Amino acid sequence: MGTPSFIHLLAIAYGLVLIAAVFLRSPLTEAMRIDSLFLPGAGESTRPLNGLLGLLIGGYAAWSLLGA
């Protein structure tokens, strides 16, 4: 196993922020929400999408760290 890439660590952190955006309403989590970037009518009903995308992004980054 090689040294962790800075990009991988940032992706894991971003995944955690997206998961936190489902439960927390802070300026950081509101600014990082993916649903508000891509969906025109983003609101409380689309907030759980961030948790799914956070799991995918953070999980893939963690998995690629283990495979590197």
N, C-alpha and C. Protein backbone atom coordinates (compact mmCIF):
# COMPACT_ATOMS: atom_id res chain seq x y z
N MET A 1 0.84 -1.18 0.00
CA MET A 1 0.00 0.00 0.00
C MET A 1 0.88 1.24 0.00
N GLY A 2 0.60 2.16 -0.92
CA GLY A 2 1.41 3.37 -1.06
C GLY A 2 0.95 4.45 -0.10
N THR A 3 1.60 5.58 -0.22
CA THR A 3 1.21 6.71 0.63
C THR A 3 -0.11 7.29 0.14
N PRO A 4 -0.96 7.76 1.05
CA PRO A 4 -2.26 8.29 0.64
C PRO A 4 -2.10 9.54 -0.19
N SER A 5 -2.86 9.61 -1.23
CA SER A 5 -2.86 10.77 -2.09
C SER A 5 -3.71 11.86 -1.45
N PHE A 6 -3.27 13.09 -1.61
CA PHE A 6 -3.99 14.23 -1.06
C PHE A 6 -5.38 14.32 -1.68
N ILE A 7 -5.51 13.99 -2.95
CA ILE A 7 -6.80 14.03 -3.64
C ILE A 7 -7.76 13.00 -3.03
N HIS A 8 -7.26 11.82 -2.72
CA HIS A 8 -8.09 10.80 -2.09
C HIS A 8 -8.60 11.25 -0.73
N LEU A 9 -7.71 11.86 0.05
CA LEU A 9 -8.11 12.33 1.37
C LEU A 9 -9.14 13.46 1.27
N LEU A 10 -8.98 14.34 0.28
CA LEU A 10 -9.97 15.40 0.07
C LEU A 10 -11.32 14.82 -0.36
N ALA A 11 -11.30 13.79 -1.18
CA ALA A 11 -12.55 13.17 -1.62
C ALA A 11 -13.25 12.48 -0.46
N ILE A 12 -12.51 11.86 0.43
CA ILE A 12 -13.11 11.25 1.60
C ILE A 12 -13.73 12.33 2.49
N ALA A 13 -13.01 13.43 2.68
CA ALA A 13 -13.54 14.54 3.49
C ALA A 13 -14.79 15.13 2.86
N TYR A 14 -14.81 15.27 1.54
CA TYR A 14 -15.98 15.81 0.85
C TYR A 14 -17.17 14.86 0.97
N GLY A 15 -16.91 13.57 0.90
CA GLY A 15 -17.97 12.60 1.10
C GLY A 15 -18.57 12.71 2.50
N LEU A 16 -17.73 12.91 3.50
CA LEU A 16 -18.22 13.08 4.86
C LEU A 16 -19.03 14.37 5.01
N VAL A 17 -18.61 15.43 4.34
CA VAL A 17 -19.38 16.69 4.38
C VAL A 17 -20.73 16.51 3.71
N LEU A 18 -20.77 15.77 2.61
CA LEU A 18 -22.05 15.52 1.95
C LEU A 18 -22.98 14.70 2.82
N ILE A 19 -22.45 13.72 3.51
CA ILE A 19 -23.28 12.93 4.42
C ILE A 19 -23.79 13.81 5.56
N ALA A 20 -22.93 14.69 6.06
CA ALA A 20 -23.34 15.61 7.12
C ALA A 20 -24.40 16.59 6.63
N ALA A 21 -24.41 16.90 5.35
CA ALA A 21 -25.39 17.85 4.79
C ALA A 21 -26.81 17.31 4.87
N VAL A 22 -26.95 16.01 5.00
CA VAL A 22 -28.29 15.43 5.15
C VAL A 22 -28.86 15.78 6.52
N PHE A 23 -28.01 15.84 7.53
CA PHE A 23 -28.47 16.01 8.90
C PHE A 23 -28.25 17.41 9.47
N LEU A 24 -27.21 18.09 9.02
CA LEU A 24 -26.85 19.39 9.58
C LEU A 24 -27.12 20.51 8.60
N ARG A 25 -27.54 21.64 9.12
CA ARG A 25 -27.72 22.83 8.30
C ARG A 25 -26.75 23.89 8.79
N SER A 26 -25.58 23.95 8.17
CA SER A 26 -24.57 24.96 8.49
C SER A 26 -24.12 25.60 7.19
N PRO A 27 -23.45 26.74 7.25
CA PRO A 27 -23.00 27.37 6.01
C PRO A 27 -22.08 26.47 5.17
N LEU A 28 -21.24 25.66 5.82
CA LEU A 28 -20.35 24.77 5.07
C LEU A 28 -21.13 23.69 4.34
N THR A 29 -22.03 23.02 5.04
CA THR A 29 -22.76 21.94 4.40
C THR A 29 -23.73 22.45 3.34
N GLU A 30 -24.30 23.62 3.54
CA GLU A 30 -25.20 24.18 2.53
C GLU A 30 -24.43 24.57 1.27
N ALA A 31 -23.20 25.03 1.42
CA ALA A 31 -22.40 25.42 0.26
C ALA A 31 -21.91 24.23 -0.54
N MET A 32 -21.76 23.07 0.10
CA MET A 32 -21.21 21.89 -0.56
C MET A 32 -22.26 20.93 -1.10
N ARG A 33 -23.52 21.22 -0.93
CA ARG A 33 -24.58 20.31 -1.37
C ARG A 33 -24.56 20.14 -2.88
N ILE A 34 -24.59 18.89 -3.33
CA ILE A 34 -24.59 18.59 -4.76
C ILE A 34 -25.97 18.80 -5.36
N ASP A 35 -27.02 18.48 -4.62
CA ASP A 35 -28.36 18.62 -5.18
C ASP A 35 -28.68 20.06 -5.54
N SER A 36 -28.21 21.02 -4.76
CA SER A 36 -28.50 22.42 -5.08
C SER A 36 -27.68 22.91 -6.26
N LEU A 37 -26.60 22.21 -6.59
CA LEU A 37 -25.80 22.59 -7.76
C LEU A 37 -26.43 22.13 -9.07
N PHE A 38 -27.04 20.94 -9.06
CA PHE A 38 -27.48 20.34 -10.32
C PHE A 38 -28.99 20.26 -10.51
N LEU A 39 -29.76 20.35 -9.44
CA LEU A 39 -31.21 20.25 -9.57
C LEU A 39 -31.82 21.64 -9.45
N PRO A 40 -32.67 22.04 -10.41
CA PRO A 40 -33.21 23.39 -10.37
C PRO A 40 -34.16 23.64 -9.19
N GLY A 41 -34.89 22.65 -8.73
CA GLY A 41 -35.83 22.84 -7.63
C GLY A 41 -35.36 22.18 -6.36
N ALA A 42 -34.09 22.32 -6.03
CA ALA A 42 -33.53 21.64 -4.86
C ALA A 42 -34.12 22.22 -3.58
N GLY A 43 -34.41 21.33 -2.66
CA GLY A 43 -34.97 21.74 -1.38
C GLY A 43 -34.80 20.63 -0.38
N GLU A 44 -35.69 20.62 0.60
CA GLU A 44 -35.62 19.60 1.65
C GLU A 44 -35.91 18.20 1.12
N SER A 45 -36.70 18.11 0.06
CA SER A 45 -37.03 16.79 -0.48
C SER A 45 -35.87 16.15 -1.23
N THR A 46 -34.93 16.95 -1.72
CA THR A 46 -33.78 16.40 -2.45
C THR A 46 -32.53 16.30 -1.57
N ARG A 47 -32.62 16.73 -0.32
CA ARG A 47 -31.46 16.69 0.59
C ARG A 47 -30.89 15.29 0.79
N PRO A 48 -31.70 14.21 0.89
CA PRO A 48 -31.14 12.86 1.08
C PRO A 48 -30.25 12.39 -0.08
N LEU A 49 -30.37 13.00 -1.23
CA LEU A 49 -29.50 12.65 -2.35
C LEU A 49 -28.04 12.90 -2.01
N ASN A 50 -27.77 13.88 -1.17
CA ASN A 50 -26.39 14.18 -0.77
C ASN A 50 -25.78 13.03 0.02
N GLY A 51 -26.58 12.36 0.84
CA GLY A 51 -26.07 11.22 1.60
C GLY A 51 -25.64 10.09 0.70
N LEU A 52 -26.46 9.80 -0.30
CA LEU A 52 -26.12 8.74 -1.26
C LEU A 52 -24.86 9.10 -2.04
N LEU A 53 -24.80 10.31 -2.54
CA LEU A 53 -23.62 10.73 -3.30
C LEU A 53 -22.38 10.82 -2.41
N GLY A 54 -22.57 11.20 -1.15
CA GLY A 54 -21.44 11.23 -0.21
C GLY A 54 -20.88 9.84 0.04
N LEU A 55 -21.76 8.86 0.16
CA LEU A 55 -21.31 7.47 0.32
C LEU A 55 -20.56 6.99 -0.91
N LEU A 56 -21.07 7.35 -2.08
CA LEU A 56 -20.40 6.92 -3.31
C LEU A 56 -19.03 7.59 -3.48
N ILE A 57 -18.96 8.89 -3.27
CA ILE A 57 -17.70 9.61 -3.46
C ILE A 57 -16.68 9.21 -2.40
N GLY A 58 -17.08 9.25 -1.14
CA GLY A 58 -16.16 8.89 -0.06
C GLY A 58 -15.77 7.42 -0.09
N GLY A 59 -16.73 6.57 -0.42
CA GLY A 59 -16.44 5.14 -0.49
C GLY A 59 -15.49 4.79 -1.62
N TYR A 60 -15.70 5.42 -2.76
CA TYR A 60 -14.80 5.15 -3.88
C TYR A 60 -13.39 5.65 -3.58
N ALA A 61 -13.28 6.80 -2.95
CA ALA A 61 -11.96 7.33 -2.60
C ALA A 61 -11.26 6.43 -1.59
N ALA A 62 -12.00 5.95 -0.60
CA ALA A 62 -11.40 5.04 0.39
C ALA A 62 -11.00 3.72 -0.25
N TRP A 63 -11.86 3.21 -1.13
CA TRP A 63 -11.56 1.95 -1.81
C TRP A 63 -10.33 2.09 -2.70
N SER A 64 -10.20 3.21 -3.39
CA SER A 64 -9.04 3.39 -4.25
C SER A 64 -7.77 3.59 -3.44
N LEU A 65 -7.89 4.11 -2.24
CA LEU A 65 -6.71 4.21 -1.36
C LEU A 65 -6.23 2.82 -0.97
N LEU A 66 -7.16 1.93 -0.69
CA LEU A 66 -6.77 0.56 -0.30
C LEU A 66 -6.19 -0.20 -1.48
N GLY A 67 -6.66 0.10 -2.69
CA GLY A 67 -6.17 -0.60 -3.86
C GLY A 67 -4.89 -0.03 -4.43
N ALA A 68 -4.49 1.15 -3.97
CA ALA A 68 -3.30 1.80 -4.54
C ALA A 68 -2.02 1.21 -4.00
